[in-house]
């Protein structure tokens, strides 16, 4: 009996070779001739994209995916999510700073250095 771990489908699958088992309405795993095939239909909120990347980056991504027992797509989606969250956070900080500046709530460089020196956090 072969065991296939299908994390994208949210569960582990145990099945006999050549006999597909339905994992979810959109996902199916088939094992034939010692090869595992995962078939799925994308959900309504998914799109396929393609892009070019340096071979070494793809190799490193594949190594990470194997080490974490995740798919390449999973890691790419995680990276995209992290990128979006980081840049949204940075954008919010910039917007907040610009709003503070608009309201006149700013300090001169000299005042900032003076306050940092008082707290012992100024560069020497």
C-alpha atoms as a PDB file:
ATOM      1  CA  UNK A   1       0.000   0.000   0.000  1.00  0.00           C
ATOM      2  CA  UNK A   2       1.351   3.431  -0.956  1.00  0.00           C
ATOM      3  CA  UNK A   3       0.824   6.508   1.182  1.00  0.00           C
ATOM      4  CA  UNK A   4       0.500   9.920  -0.406  1.00  0.00           C
ATOM      5  CA  UNK A   5       0.533  13.079   1.644  1.00  0.00           C
ATOM      6  CA  UNK A   6      -1.704  15.657   0.047  1.00  0.00           C
ATOM      7  CA  UNK A   7      -1.441  18.780   2.188  1.00  0.00           C
ATOM      8  CA  UNK A   8      -3.019  21.021  -0.445  1.00  0.00           C
ATOM      9  CA  UNK A   9      -6.157  18.928  -0.098  1.00  0.00           C
ATOM     10  CA  UNK A  10      -6.016  19.194   3.658  1.00  0.00           C
ATOM     11  CA  UNK A  11      -5.577  15.533   4.512  1.00  0.00           C
ATOM     12  CA  UNK A  12      -3.309  12.528   4.196  1.00  0.00           C
ATOM     13  CA  UNK A  13      -4.377   9.870   1.753  1.00  0.00           C
ATOM     14  CA  UNK A  14      -3.846   6.142   1.883  1.00  0.00           C
ATOM     15  CA  UNK A  15      -4.833   4.156  -1.175  1.00  0.00           C
ATOM     16  CA  UNK A  16      -4.027   1.160  -3.319  1.00  0.00           C
ATOM     17  CA  UNK A  17      -1.972   1.819  -6.492  1.00  0.00           C
ATOM     18  CA  UNK A  18      -4.068   2.657  -9.524  1.00  0.00           C
ATOM     19  CA  UNK A  19      -7.248   3.320  -7.560  1.00  0.00           C
ATOM     20  CA  UNK A  20      -7.961   7.040  -7.330  1.00  0.00           C
ATOM     21  CA  UNK A  21      -9.532   8.402  -4.187  1.00  0.00           C
ATOM     22  CA  UNK A  22     -11.522  11.597  -4.186  1.00  0.00           C
ATOM     23  CA  UNK A  23      -9.947  14.014  -1.687  1.00  0.00           C
ATOM     24  CA  UNK A  24     -12.188  16.998  -2.162  1.00  0.00           C
ATOM     25  CA  UNK A  25     -14.619  18.059  -4.855  1.00  0.00           C
ATOM     26  CA  UNK A  26     -11.694  19.515  -6.816  1.00  0.00           C
ATOM     27  CA  UNK A  27      -8.759  17.184  -6.061  1.00  0.00           C
ATOM     28  CA  UNK A  28      -7.864  13.611  -6.979  1.00  0.00           C
ATOM     29  CA  UNK A  29      -4.689  11.558  -6.318  1.00  0.00           C
ATOM     30  CA  UNK A  30      -3.762   8.602  -8.519  1.00  0.00           C
ATOM     31  CA  UNK A  31      -0.790   6.275  -8.013  1.00  0.00           C
ATOM     32  CA  UNK A  32       0.282   4.258 -11.046  1.00  0.00           C
ATOM     33  CA  UNK A  33       3.583   2.505 -11.694  1.00  0.00           C
ATOM     34  CA  UNK A  34       5.164   3.993  -8.545  1.00  0.00           C
ATOM     35  CA  UNK A  35       4.311   7.518  -9.720  1.00  0.00           C
ATOM     36  CA  UNK A  36       1.983   9.854  -7.884  1.00  0.00           C
ATOM     37  CA  UNK A  37      -0.304  12.132  -9.883  1.00  0.00           C
ATOM     38  CA  UNK A  38      -2.371  14.876  -8.306  1.00  0.00           C
ATOM     39  CA  UNK A  39      -5.218  16.261 -10.368  1.00  0.00           C
ATOM     40  CA  UNK A  40      -7.219  19.250  -9.275  1.00  0.00           C
ATOM     41  CA  UNK A  41      -9.539  21.833 -10.643  1.00  0.00           C
ATOM     42  CA  UNK A  42      -8.717  25.363  -9.561  1.00  0.00           C
ATOM     43  CA  UNK A  43     -11.213  27.071  -7.320  1.00  0.00           C
ATOM     44  CA  UNK A  44     -13.027  30.217  -8.367  1.00  0.00           C
ATOM     45  CA  UNK A  45     -10.559  32.400  -6.464  1.00  0.00           C
ATOM     46  CA  UNK A  46      -7.396  31.033  -8.096  1.00  0.00           C
ATOM     47  CA  UNK A  47      -5.541  32.056 -11.249  1.00  0.00           C
ATOM     48  CA  UNK A  48      -2.580  30.506 -12.980  1.00  0.00           C
ATOM     49  CA  UNK A  49       0.394  32.748 -13.674  1.00  0.00           C
ATOM     50  CA  UNK A  50       3.753  32.060 -15.224  1.00  0.00           C
ATOM     51  CA  UNK A  51       7.022  33.921 -14.897  1.00  0.00           C
ATOM     52  CA  UNK A  52      10.710  33.477 -15.525  1.00  0.00           C
ATOM     53  CA  UNK A  53      13.195  32.955 -12.729  1.00  0.00           C
ATOM     54  CA  UNK A  54      16.880  32.146 -12.493  1.00  0.00           C
ATOM     55  CA  UNK A  55      17.458  28.378 -12.433  1.00  0.00           C
ATOM     56  CA  UNK A  56      19.306  28.535  -9.106  1.00  0.00           C
ATOM     57  CA  UNK A  57      16.318  30.222  -7.454  1.00  0.00           C
ATOM     58  CA  UNK A  58      13.939  27.554  -8.710  1.00  0.00           C
ATOM     59  CA  UNK A  59      16.323  24.827  -7.545  1.00  0.00           C
ATOM     60  CA  UNK A  60      16.538  26.447  -4.106  1.00  0.00           C
ATOM     61  CA  UNK A  61      12.743  26.759  -4.008  1.00  0.00           C
ATOM     62  CA  UNK A  62      12.339  23.101  -4.908  1.00  0.00           C
ATOM     63  CA  UNK A  63      14.827  22.108  -2.189  1.00  0.00           C
ATOM     64  CA  UNK A  64      12.893  24.119   0.389  1.00  0.00           C
ATOM     65  CA  UNK A  65       9.616  22.641  -0.800  1.00  0.00           C
ATOM     66  CA  UNK A  66      10.975  19.101  -0.481  1.00  0.00           C
ATOM     67  CA  UNK A  67      12.450  19.799   2.964  1.00  0.00           C
ATOM     68  CA  UNK A  68       9.132  21.222   4.179  1.00  0.00           C
ATOM     69  CA  UNK A  69       7.036  18.580   2.411  1.00  0.00           C
ATOM     70  CA  UNK A  70       5.204  21.357   0.560  1.00  0.00           C
ATOM     71  CA  UNK A  71       4.603  22.091  -3.090  1.00  0.00           C
ATOM     72  CA  UNK A  72       6.396  24.758  -5.075  1.00  0.00           C
ATOM     73  CA  UNK A  73       3.059  26.541  -5.506  1.00  0.00           C
ATOM     74  CA  UNK A  74       2.479  26.577  -1.752  1.00  0.00           C
ATOM     75  CA  UNK A  75       5.841  28.276  -1.105  1.00  0.00           C
ATOM     76  CA  UNK A  76       5.310  30.776  -3.926  1.00  0.00           C
ATOM     77  CA  UNK A  77       1.882  31.666  -2.527  1.00  0.00           C
ATOM     78  CA  UNK A  78       3.407  32.112   0.946  1.00  0.00           C
ATOM     79  CA  UNK A  79       6.099  34.388  -0.501  1.00  0.00           C
ATOM     80  CA  UNK A  80       3.503  36.463  -2.369  1.00  0.00           C
ATOM     81  CA  UNK A  81       1.391  36.790   0.788  1.00  0.00           C
ATOM     82  CA  UNK A  82       4.410  37.882   2.843  1.00  0.00           C
ATOM     83  CA  UNK A  83       5.432  40.406   0.175  1.00  0.00           C
ATOM     84  CA  UNK A  84       1.939  41.912  -0.011  1.00  0.00           C
ATOM     85  CA  UNK A  85       1.597  42.130   3.787  1.00  0.00           C
ATOM     86  CA  UNK A  86       5.047  43.707   4.233  1.00  0.00           C
ATOM     87  CA  UNK A  87       4.531  46.318   1.552  1.00  0.00           C
ATOM     88  CA  UNK A  88       0.984  47.098   2.692  1.00  0.00           C
ATOM     89  CA  UNK A  89       2.372  47.670   6.211  1.00  0.00           C
ATOM     90  CA  UNK A  90       5.169  49.905   4.907  1.00  0.00           C
ATOM     91  CA  UNK A  91       2.709  51.822   2.739  1.00  0.00           C
ATOM     92  CA  UNK A  92       0.447  52.394   5.758  1.00  0.00           C
ATOM     93  CA  UNK A  93       3.400  53.742   7.768  1.00  0.00           C
ATOM     94  CA  UNK A  94       4.356  56.143   4.980  1.00  0.00           C
ATOM     95  CA  UNK A  95       0.760  57.340   4.641  1.00  0.00           C
ATOM     96  CA  UNK A  96       0.532  57.850   8.411  1.00  0.00           C
ATOM     97  CA  UNK A  97       3.798  59.816   8.360  1.00  0.00           C
ATOM     98  CA  UNK A  98       2.590  61.993   5.501  1.00  0.00           C
ATOM     99  CA  UNK A  99      -0.647  62.676   7.393  1.00  0.00           C
ATOM    100  CA  UNK A 100       1.345  63.659  10.486  1.00  0.00           C
ATOM    101  CA  UNK A 101       3.471  65.975   8.335  1.00  0.00           C
ATOM    102  CA  UNK A 102       0.338  67.512   6.810  1.00  0.00           C
ATOM    103  CA  UNK A 103      -0.907  68.253  10.344  1.00  0.00           C
ATOM    104  CA  UNK A 104       2.427  69.850  11.205  1.00  0.00           C
ATOM    105  CA  UNK A 105       3.458  67.157  13.689  1.00  0.00           C
ATOM    106  CA  UNK A 106       7.102  66.915  12.672  1.00  0.00           C
ATOM    107  CA  UNK A 107      10.455  67.293  14.427  1.00  0.00           C
ATOM    108  CA  UNK A 108      13.658  68.676  13.004  1.00  0.00           C
ATOM    109  CA  UNK A 109      16.662  66.391  12.682  1.00  0.00           C
ATOM    110  CA  UNK A 110      18.395  68.272  15.476  1.00  0.00           C
ATOM    111  CA  UNK A 111      15.425  67.745  17.830  1.00  0.00           C
ATOM    112  CA  UNK A 112      15.372  64.025  17.092  1.00  0.00           C
ATOM    113  CA  UNK A 113      19.117  63.717  17.793  1.00  0.00           C
ATOM    114  CA  UNK A 114      18.697  65.725  21.017  1.00  0.00           C
ATOM    115  CA  UNK A 115      15.904  63.426  22.231  1.00  0.00           C
ATOM    116  CA  UNK A 116      17.866  60.291  21.309  1.00  0.00           C
ATOM    117  CA  UNK A 117      20.899  61.557  23.223  1.00  0.00           C
ATOM    118  CA  UNK A 118      18.743  62.080  26.315  1.00  0.00           C
ATOM    119  CA  UNK A 119      17.643  58.441  26.163  1.00  0.00           C
ATOM    120  CA  UNK A 120      21.147  57.188  25.359  1.00  0.00           C
ATOM    121  CA  UNK A 121      20.156  55.817  21.941  1.00  0.00           C
ATOM    122  CA  UNK A 122      21.923  58.323  19.685  1.00  0.00           C
ATOM    123  CA  UNK A 123      24.786  57.193  17.467  1.00  0.00           C
ATOM    124  CA  UNK A 124      28.180  58.438  18.545  1.00  0.00           C
END
